[in-house]
Protein backbone atom coordinates (compact mmCIF):
# COMPACT_ATOMS: atom_id res chain seq x y z
CA MET A 1 -18.85 -10.35 7.58
CA GLY A 2 -15.35 -9.26 6.57
CA ALA A 3 -16.64 -7.06 3.78
CA ALA A 4 -19.17 -5.45 6.11
CA ASP A 5 -16.60 -4.89 8.84
CA VAL A 6 -14.31 -2.98 6.49
CA VAL A 7 -16.89 -0.28 5.76
CA PRO A 8 -18.27 2.14 8.39
CA GLY A 9 -22.03 1.86 8.76
CA VAL A 10 -22.48 -1.88 8.34
CA SER A 11 -21.91 -4.46 11.08
CA GLY A 12 -20.45 -7.90 10.53
CA GLY A 13 -22.72 -8.98 13.37
CA THR A 14 -25.70 -7.99 11.26
CA ILE A 15 -24.49 -10.25 8.45
CA ALA A 16 -24.00 -13.11 10.92
CA PHE A 17 -27.48 -12.53 12.33
CA ILE A 18 -29.12 -12.48 8.92
CA SER A 19 -27.26 -15.55 7.65
CA GLY A 20 -28.40 -17.57 10.67
CA ILE A 21 -25.00 -18.23 12.27
CA TYR A 22 -25.17 -15.64 15.07
CA ASP A 23 -26.08 -17.96 17.95
CA GLU A 24 -23.46 -20.49 16.89
CA LEU A 25 -20.90 -17.68 16.64
CA LEU A 26 -21.56 -16.52 20.21
CA ASP A 27 -21.54 -20.09 21.55
CA SER A 28 -18.24 -20.84 19.80
CA ILE A 29 -16.56 -17.67 21.07
CA ASN A 30 -17.79 -18.32 24.61
CA ALA A 31 -16.31 -21.82 24.44
CA ILE A 32 -12.84 -20.23 24.47
CA ASN A 33 -12.45 -20.26 28.26
CA PHE A 34 -10.54 -21.93 31.07
CA LYS A 35 -12.48 -25.16 30.58
CA LEU A 36 -11.11 -25.33 27.03
CA PHE A 37 -7.53 -25.36 28.36
CA LYS A 38 -8.41 -28.07 30.88
CA ILE A 39 -9.82 -30.20 28.06
CA LEU A 40 -6.72 -29.50 25.99
CA ARG A 41 -4.44 -30.60 28.83
CA LYS A 42 -6.40 -33.73 29.82
CA GLU A 43 -8.01 -34.96 26.58
CA GLY A 44 -5.83 -33.49 23.85
CA PHE A 45 -6.13 -31.12 20.91
CA SER A 46 -8.86 -33.02 19.09
CA ALA A 47 -11.30 -32.85 22.02
CA ALA A 48 -10.51 -29.18 22.64
CA TRP A 49 -11.00 -28.37 18.96
CA LYS A 50 -14.41 -30.06 18.97
CA TYR A 51 -15.41 -28.30 22.21
CA MET A 52 -14.72 -24.85 20.76
CA ASN A 53 -16.36 -25.73 17.40
CA GLY A 54 -13.00 -25.19 15.73
CA ASN A 55 -14.05 -26.05 12.18
CA PHE A 56 -16.76 -23.39 12.30
CA LEU A 57 -14.46 -20.71 13.73
CA LEU A 58 -11.64 -21.55 11.32
CA ALA A 59 -13.92 -21.35 8.28
CA LEU A 60 -15.49 -18.11 9.48
CA LEU A 61 -12.23 -16.39 10.43
CA THR A 62 -10.60 -17.49 7.18
CA GLY A 63 -13.43 -15.93 5.19
CA ILE A 64 -13.32 -12.73 7.23
CA GLY A 65 -9.54 -12.48 6.90
CA ILE A 66 -9.52 -13.06 3.15
CA SER A 67 -12.29 -10.52 2.68
CA ILE A 68 -10.65 -7.83 4.80
CA VAL A 69 -7.23 -8.23 3.19
CA SER A 70 -8.60 -8.31 -0.36
CA LEU A 71 -11.20 -5.57 0.05
CA ALA A 72 -9.42 -3.11 2.33
CA LYS A 73 -7.48 -1.39 -0.44
CA LEU A 74 -10.32 -1.63 -2.97
CA LEU A 75 -12.92 -0.15 -0.61
CA SER A 76 -10.48 2.53 0.53
CA GLN A 77 -10.05 3.58 -3.10
CA LEU A 78 -13.76 3.37 -3.90
CA LEU A 79 -14.66 5.51 -0.89
CA GLU A 80 -12.34 8.15 -2.32
CA THR A 81 -13.37 7.89 -5.98
CA ASP A 82 -17.05 6.81 -5.87
CA PRO A 83 -18.36 7.51 -2.36
CA ILE A 84 -21.97 8.07 -3.42
CA LEU A 85 -22.25 4.67 -5.10
CA VAL A 86 -20.52 2.81 -2.26
CA TRP A 87 -22.69 4.41 0.44
CA ALA A 88 -25.85 3.90 -1.63
CA PHE A 89 -25.11 0.17 -1.84
CA PHE A 90 -24.58 -0.07 1.92
CA PHE A 91 -27.64 2.09 2.56
CA GLY A 92 -29.67 -0.62 0.85
CA LEU A 93 -27.95 -3.28 2.95
CA VAL A 94 -28.84 -1.50 6.19
CA LEU A 95 -32.46 -0.96 5.10
CA ALA A 96 -32.77 -4.70 4.57
CA SER A 97 -31.12 -5.27 7.96
CA ILE A 98 -33.77 -3.10 9.63
CA TYR A 99 -36.50 -5.18 8.03
CA TYR A 100 -34.89 -8.48 8.99
CA VAL A 101 -33.87 -7.69 12.58
CA GLY A 102 -37.22 -6.00 13.27
CA LYS A 103 -39.27 -8.96 12.08
CA GLN A 104 -37.43 -11.28 14.50
CA ILE A 105 -39.16 -9.58 17.43
CA ALA A 106 -41.90 -11.91 18.66
CA LYS A 107 -44.36 -9.26 19.81
CA TRP A 108 -44.34 -5.49 19.71
CA HIS A 109 -45.62 -3.47 22.66
CA PHE A 110 -45.08 -0.03 24.18
CA LEU A 111 -41.77 -0.87 25.92
CA ARG A 112 -40.22 -2.31 22.75
CA VAL A 113 -41.34 0.66 20.66
CA LEU A 114 -39.79 2.89 23.31
CA LEU A 115 -36.55 0.88 23.21
CA LEU A 116 -36.51 1.13 19.41
CA LEU A 117 -36.86 4.92 19.60
CA LEU A 118 -34.18 5.06 22.30
CA GLY A 119 -31.79 2.99 20.17
CA ALA A 120 -32.44 5.20 17.13
CA ILE A 121 -31.82 8.38 19.13
CA ILE A 122 -28.59 7.04 20.65
CA ALA A 123 -27.28 5.88 17.26
CA PHE A 124 -28.18 9.22 15.66
CA MET A 125 -26.43 11.13 18.45
CA ILE A 126 -23.32 8.97 17.95
CA THR A 127 -23.29 9.86 14.25
CA GLN A 128 -23.20 13.54 15.21
CA ILE A 129 -19.95 13.17 17.17
CA PRO A 130 -17.09 14.74 15.18
CA SER A 131 -14.46 12.16 14.30
CA ALA A 132 -11.30 12.27 16.35
CA THR A 133 -8.03 12.52 14.42
CA SER A 134 -4.82 10.66 15.15
CA ALA A 135 -2.10 10.19 12.54
CA ASN A 136 0.25 8.27 14.84
CA PRO A 137 -1.74 6.63 17.67
CA SER A 138 0.00 5.01 20.62
CA ALA A 139 0.13 1.25 21.13
CA PHE A 140 -2.36 1.45 24.01
CA TYR A 141 -4.75 3.53 21.89
CA LEU A 142 -4.63 0.93 19.09
CA ILE A 143 -5.32 -1.89 21.58
CA LEU A 144 -8.25 0.06 23.05
CA SER A 145 -9.56 0.84 19.56
CA GLY A 146 -9.44 -2.85 18.62
CA ALA A 147 -11.29 -3.86 21.79
CA LEU A 148 -14.07 -1.29 21.30
CA ALA A 149 -14.39 -1.95 17.57
CA ILE A 150 -14.72 -5.74 17.91
CA CYS A 151 -17.50 -5.28 20.47
CA ALA A 152 -19.41 -3.30 17.86
CA MET A 153 -18.54 -5.71 15.05
CA ILE A 154 -20.25 -8.67 16.71
CA LEU A 155 -23.24 -6.59 17.78
CA PRO A 156 -25.92 -6.48 15.07
CA GLY A 157 -26.62 -2.88 14.12
CA ILE A 158 -23.38 -1.17 15.16
CA SER A 159 -20.42 -0.92 12.83
CA GLY A 160 -16.98 -1.61 14.26
CA SER A 161 -15.41 0.44 11.48
CA PHE A 162 -17.64 3.34 12.45
CA ILE A 163 -16.23 3.13 15.98
CA LEU A 164 -12.74 3.34 14.44
CA VAL A 165 -13.87 6.42 12.51
CA LEU A 166 -15.05 8.07 15.74
CA LEU A 167 -11.77 7.16 17.44
CA GLY A 168 -9.84 8.64 14.52
CA VAL A 169 -7.90 5.49 13.57
CA TYR A 170 -10.00 4.10 10.71
CA GLN A 171 -7.63 5.33 8.00
CA VAL A 172 -4.65 4.23 10.10
CA VAL A 173 -6.00 0.68 10.47
CA LEU A 174 -7.12 0.45 6.84
CA THR A 175 -3.66 1.56 5.68
CA ALA A 176 -2.01 -0.91 8.06
CA VAL A 177 -4.02 -3.78 6.56
CA HIS A 178 -3.29 -3.16 2.89
CA GLN A 179 0.34 -2.10 3.51
CA ARG A 180 0.94 -5.10 5.80
CA GLN A 181 2.06 -3.03 8.81
CA LEU A 182 2.22 -6.09 11.05
CA GLY A 183 3.01 -4.23 14.27
CA ARG A 184 -0.12 -2.09 14.17
CA ILE A 185 -2.23 -5.01 12.96
CA ALA A 186 -1.01 -7.10 15.92
CA LEU A 187 -1.88 -4.35 18.43
CA VAL A 188 -5.40 -3.90 17.06
CA GLY A 189 -5.81 -7.69 16.87
CA PHE A 190 -4.71 -8.12 20.50
CA GLY A 191 -7.29 -5.56 21.60
CA ALA A 192 -9.90 -7.30 19.48
CA ILE A 193 -9.24 -10.65 21.18
CA ILE A 194 -9.60 -9.07 24.62
CA GLY A 195 -12.83 -7.32 23.66
CA LEU A 196 -14.25 -10.34 21.87
CA LEU A 197 -13.74 -12.80 24.72
CA SER A 198 -15.15 -10.43 27.33
CA PHE A 199 -18.07 -8.85 25.46
CA SER A 200 -19.40 -12.02 23.83
CA ARG A 201 -20.32 -13.47 27.24
CA LEU A 202 -22.32 -10.39 28.17
CA LEU A 203 -23.97 -10.37 24.76
CA LYS A 204 -24.95 -14.04 25.03
CA TYR A 205 -26.52 -13.42 28.45
CA ILE A 206 -28.50 -10.44 27.15
CA PHE A 207 -29.75 -12.39 24.12
CA LEU A 208 -30.67 -15.36 26.28
CA HIS A 209 -32.72 -13.38 28.81
CA TYR A 210 -33.82 -10.23 26.96
CA LYS A 211 -33.73 -11.21 23.29
CA ASN A 212 -36.79 -9.32 22.01
CA ASN A 213 -35.99 -6.14 23.91
CA THR A 214 -32.40 -6.31 22.70
CA LEU A 215 -33.55 -6.76 19.10
CA ALA A 216 -35.79 -3.70 19.48
CA VAL A 217 -32.80 -1.60 20.58
CA LEU A 218 -30.66 -2.99 17.74
CA THR A 219 -33.38 -2.18 15.20
CA GLY A 220 -33.32 1.35 16.53
CA PHE A 221 -29.54 1.44 16.21
CA LEU A 222 -29.84 0.48 12.55
CA ILE A 223 -32.44 3.19 11.92
CA GLY A 224 -30.29 5.81 13.62
CA ALA A 225 -27.19 4.67 11.71
CA LEU A 226 -28.88 5.42 8.37
CA TYR A 227 -28.00 9.09 8.82
CA LYS A 228 -24.29 8.28 8.84
CA ILE A 229 -24.36 6.29 5.60
CA TRP A 230 -26.62 8.64 3.60
CA PRO A 231 -24.83 8.83 0.23
CA TRP A 232 -25.03 12.58 -0.43
CA LYS A 233 -22.95 14.67 1.96
CA LEU A 234 -21.39 18.11 2.20
CA ALA A 235 -17.97 18.31 3.87
CA LEU A 236 -17.86 20.96 6.59
CA VAL A 237 -14.45 20.35 8.18
CA ILE A 238 -11.46 18.75 6.43
CA GLN A 239 -8.13 18.01 8.11
CA GLU A 240 -4.84 16.64 6.81
CA ILE A 241 -3.90 13.38 8.55
CA GLY A 242 -0.81 11.43 7.60
CA GLY A 243 -0.48 13.25 4.29
CA LYS A 244 -4.14 12.70 3.35
CA PHE A 245 -7.09 15.04 3.61
CA VAL A 246 -9.81 13.49 5.76
CA VAL A 247 -13.37 14.74 6.31
CA VAL A 248 -13.98 14.98 10.07
CA LYS A 249 -17.33 16.78 9.96
CA GLU A 250 -20.05 16.70 7.32
CA LYS A 251 -23.77 17.02 6.86
CA ASN A 252 -26.34 15.21 4.72
CA VAL A 253 -27.90 16.99 1.78
CA SER A 254 -30.62 16.18 -0.72
CA PRO A 255 -29.36 14.53 -3.92
CA PHE A 256 -31.03 17.37 -5.82
CA SER A 257 -29.04 20.02 -3.94
CA TYR A 258 -25.79 18.04 -4.06
CA GLU A 259 -22.92 19.95 -5.65
CA GLY A 260 -21.76 17.82 -8.55
CA ASP A 261 -23.13 14.73 -10.29
CA ASN A 262 -25.58 13.11 -7.86
CA LEU A 263 -25.55 9.77 -9.77
CA LEU A 264 -29.12 9.36 -8.56
CA PHE A 265 -30.26 6.51 -10.79
CA TYR A 266 -27.05 4.51 -10.27
CA ALA A 267 -27.29 5.10 -6.52
CA ILE A 268 -30.92 3.94 -6.39
CA GLY A 269 -30.01 0.86 -8.43
CA LEU A 270 -27.15 -0.05 -6.10
CA ALA A 271 -29.31 0.56 -3.01
CA VAL A 272 -31.93 -1.83 -4.42
CA LEU A 273 -29.16 -4.33 -5.22
CA GLY A 274 -27.84 -4.12 -1.65
CA PHE A 275 -31.36 -4.59 -0.27
CA MET A 276 -32.01 -7.63 -2.46
CA ILE A 277 -28.65 -9.25 -1.63
CA LEU A 278 -29.49 -9.28 2.07
CA ILE A 279 -33.02 -10.53 1.44
CA ILE A 280 -31.63 -13.39 -0.67
CA LEU A 281 -28.98 -14.07 2.00
CA GLU A 282 -31.70 -14.17 4.64
CA LYS A 283 -33.73 -16.70 2.61
CA TRP A 284 -30.61 -18.78 2.11
CA GLY A 285 -29.77 -18.63 5.83
CA THR A 286 -33.33 -19.70 6.72
CA LYS A 287 -33.05 -22.64 4.33
CA LEU A 288 -29.71 -23.69 5.83
CA GLN A 289 -31.14 -23.54 9.37
CA LYS A 290 -34.03 -25.80 8.35
């Protein structure tokens, strides 16, 4: 989940969904409420820890944290030096996500096909929004960005990092992580906590009452998001932000009309690898659930 959350285009929620821990994740997050503090006050830390499924959350958050800290700088560099190969790998991951999320839908009918198309159109339209740019965002803007991004991160099909790209703070947050800028990290983290505790309850309600329809929309989101992570792109607008040149508008091109080495065979190989990793992860998750 941490690796997926670092890169725009892939959702940590999708990884949680595929690995079979999504329902437990939502239940554990929703357990962080006023009742938890009552249990803590009356019955002690041990009872409160058990109520909120603390071992699960600790293991998960530790893995996410280690992954983000260790991969932030590496992925930042790879996106600059080998963008085609990185995006090809994640393109394969998202293709596998479409297959997996779509097959969870119990029965397809006209409404769910319509919801899928609606989700795909909305996601595609979002990818067409030019990225905002902000080299020195305010504290409130960082808190808001964290809250919006975490909502996307726990929602299968929508990338939290992509939301940060749209808000213009992706590079700012990525730099803050691998340069240990604790002030900015704390602001984004505070926003993330607010967003997580509020949005997870709504998400649990939707999944409980409208699961198949929700999955249809999320499948559409994944399909629409494929445009954003297409490996071969042509930069249309480049701006300098914080001493770095950042692409704020681009368009997809065919690998055969791409200017430069299209790395086609390597890209296809990595896309297949990404696809197979998620399929294997899905089989593993299914086995663990059984």
